[in-house]
Protein backbone atom coordinates (compact mmCIF):
# COMPACT_ATOMS: atom_id res chain seq x y z
CA TYR A 1 255.68 196.13 89.98
CA LYS A 2 251.98 196.80 90.25
CA LYS A 3 250.29 196.97 86.85
CA SER A 4 246.69 197.68 87.80
CA ASN A 5 244.81 199.99 90.11
CA SER A 6 243.08 197.06 91.80
CA PRO A 7 244.01 196.64 95.45
CA ILE A 8 246.25 193.67 96.22
CA ILE A 9 246.20 191.89 99.57
CA VAL A 10 248.71 189.10 100.16
CA ILE A 11 247.73 186.41 102.66
CA SER A 12 250.61 184.18 103.71
CA TRP A 13 251.85 181.92 106.47
CA THR A 14 255.22 183.65 106.62
CA SER A 15 255.80 186.40 109.13
CA VAL A 16 259.48 186.91 108.25
CA LEU A 17 260.05 190.66 108.04
CA ASP A 18 262.26 190.51 104.91
CA ASN A 19 259.55 188.62 103.00
CA ILE A 20 256.86 191.07 104.07
CA VAL A 21 259.02 194.07 103.10
CA ASN A 22 259.75 192.48 99.71
CA TRP A 23 256.02 192.10 99.08
CA TYR A 24 255.42 195.75 99.94
CA ASN A 25 258.26 196.74 97.61
CA LEU A 26 256.31 194.99 94.85
CA TRP A 27 253.51 197.50 95.44
CA ILE A 28 251.00 195.38 97.31
CA ASP A 29 248.44 197.25 99.36
CA ASP A 30 248.24 195.06 102.44
CA TYR A 31 249.74 191.89 103.93
CA LEU A 32 247.99 189.54 106.34
CA VAL A 33 249.66 186.67 108.18
CA LYS A 34 247.74 183.41 108.60
CA PRO A 35 245.93 182.67 110.77
CA TYR A 36 244.05 185.94 110.60
CA PHE A 37 240.67 187.05 111.86
CA LYS A 38 238.04 187.50 109.16
CA GLU A 39 237.25 190.88 110.73
CA GLU A 40 240.87 191.86 110.04
CA LEU A 41 240.47 190.92 106.37
CA TYR A 42 237.15 192.81 106.13
CA ALA A 43 238.72 195.87 107.75
CA SER A 44 241.60 195.75 105.29
CA ILE A 45 239.21 195.50 102.34
CA ARG A 46 237.08 198.40 103.62
CA HIS A 47 240.23 200.50 104.14
CA LEU A 48 241.45 199.80 100.59
CA ILE A 49 238.05 200.64 99.11
CA ARG A 50 237.97 203.96 101.02
CA LYS A 51 241.55 204.66 99.97
CA LYS A 52 240.80 203.95 96.29
CA HIS A 53 237.81 206.29 96.24
CA SER A 54 239.72 209.09 97.94
CA VAL A 55 242.65 209.05 95.52
CA THR A 56 243.26 212.34 93.80
CA ARG A 57 245.57 213.17 90.96
CA SER A 58 249.14 213.62 92.17
CA ILE A 59 251.60 215.76 90.29
CA LEU A 60 255.32 215.86 91.02
CA THR A 61 257.15 218.81 89.54
CA ILE A 62 260.50 217.52 88.36
CA CYS A 63 261.69 220.93 87.20
CA ASN A 64 260.18 224.11 85.81
CA ASN A 65 258.78 222.50 82.68
CA ILE A 66 258.65 218.75 83.41
CA ILE A 67 256.06 217.14 85.65
CA PHE A 68 255.31 213.54 86.55
CA ASP A 69 251.64 212.66 86.85
CA THR A 70 251.76 209.81 89.37
CA SER A 71 248.17 208.68 88.91
CA ASN A 72 248.46 208.32 85.12
CA ARG A 73 252.20 207.55 85.27
CA ILE A 74 253.15 209.98 82.52
CA PHE A 75 255.82 212.66 82.12
CA ILE A 76 254.76 216.00 80.68
CA LYS A 77 257.06 218.69 79.29
CA ASN A 78 255.65 222.09 78.27
CA ASP A 79 252.12 220.60 78.22
CA CYS A 80 253.18 217.75 75.89
CA ILE A 81 253.41 214.12 76.96
CA ILE A 82 256.93 212.66 76.74
CA LYS A 83 256.59 209.25 75.12
CA LEU A 84 258.10 206.59 77.38
CA THR A 85 257.52 202.85 77.34
CA SER A 86 255.97 201.32 80.45
CA ARG A 87 259.36 199.91 81.44
CA GLU A 88 261.01 203.34 81.02
CA VAL A 89 258.31 204.90 83.21
CA LYS A 90 258.84 202.20 85.86
CA LEU A 91 262.57 202.85 85.88
CA ALA A 92 262.23 206.65 86.00
CA GLU A 93 259.57 206.40 88.71
CA TYR A 94 261.79 204.09 90.76
CA PHE A 95 264.61 206.63 90.65
CA ILE A 96 262.29 209.52 91.50
CA TYR A 97 261.13 207.74 94.65
CA ASN A 98 264.72 206.81 95.50
CA ILE A 99 266.44 210.10 94.62
CA TRP A 100 270.00 210.53 95.94
CA GLU A 101 270.20 206.83 96.87
CA LEU A 102 272.66 204.40 95.35
CA VAL A 103 270.68 201.79 93.42
CA THR A 104 272.12 198.44 92.36
CA LYS A 105 271.25 196.45 89.26
CA ILE A 106 269.62 193.85 91.48
CA GLN A 107 267.32 196.51 92.97
CA LEU A 108 266.40 197.69 89.47
CA ILE A 109 265.70 194.14 88.32
CA ASN A 110 263.56 193.42 91.39
CA SER A 111 261.48 196.56 90.96
CA VAL A 112 261.33 197.10 87.18
CA TRP A 113 261.57 193.57 85.77
CA TRP A 114 260.09 191.64 88.71
CA GLU A 115 257.49 189.78 86.64
CA TYR A 116 260.10 188.19 84.34
CA ASP A 117 262.47 185.33 84.94
CA LEU A 118 265.16 187.36 86.68
CA LEU A 119 267.94 185.23 85.24
CA LYS A 120 266.92 186.32 81.73
CA VAL A 121 267.34 190.05 82.44
CA THR A 122 270.74 190.99 81.02
CA ASP A 123 273.01 193.98 81.47
CA ASN A 124 272.00 194.98 77.96
CA ASN A 125 268.28 195.10 78.97
CA ILE A 126 269.13 197.43 81.82
CA ASN A 127 271.53 199.59 79.79
CA VAL A 128 269.08 200.07 76.91
CA ILE A 129 266.28 201.24 79.21
CA LEU A 130 268.68 203.51 81.15
CA SER A 131 269.95 204.97 77.89
CA ASN A 132 266.41 205.63 76.63
CA VAL A 133 265.38 207.35 79.88
CA ARG A 134 268.51 209.49 79.84
CA ARG A 135 267.94 210.47 76.20
CA LYS A 136 264.25 211.31 76.64
CA LEU A 137 264.53 213.15 79.96
CA TRP A 138 268.02 214.67 79.72
CA PRO A 139 269.25 217.24 80.80
CA TRP A 140 266.55 217.55 83.46
CA PHE A 141 266.86 214.02 84.78
CA ARG A 142 270.45 213.57 86.00
CA LEU A 143 270.90 209.82 86.14
CA LYS A 144 274.49 208.75 86.77
CA THR A 145 276.19 205.35 86.46
CA ILE A 146 278.86 204.51 89.02
CA VAL A 147 281.27 201.72 88.02
CA ASN A 148 278.54 199.97 85.94
CA VAL A 149 277.13 198.51 89.17
CA TRP A 150 275.33 201.35 90.94
CA TYR A 151 273.11 204.11 89.66
CA ILE A 152 271.99 207.33 91.30
CA LEU A 153 269.55 210.07 90.40
CA GLU A 154 271.40 213.21 91.45
CA GLY A 155 268.35 215.40 91.24
CA TRP A 156 267.05 217.41 88.39
CA LYS A 157 268.01 220.65 86.79
CA ASN A 158 265.62 223.58 87.06
């Protein structure tokens, strides 16, 4: 999961679609397959610089009194910031962008804990973060567990 605002371009020999999609799911900005033309790289860099300078603050209204500021990655309720850890924000943000979709533990691990040794992420790690997000954003954030394998954000209450 992307931690900085710096543009990330991955240059790789592989042109396998699944690998490229996985990279984009990790929040890269562009992907070039070797061999590439240097003009292609320069064009990508220019595009990312233009994109970075044209970014404006994005606000998602979750319900009447909760908003998610996507540029600062914070939740605000009645003009007060809701204190969430970075991992809790990553998890909540992942569900917001995947609302009404069944999400597996593997998908959560790959998007929220991707920078760790994935074998060390336990069910308890996932359950604690889910519990914290539910507690801090409930009842507006309706996050449901289905058979302890899938999760779904069923929308939010206005």
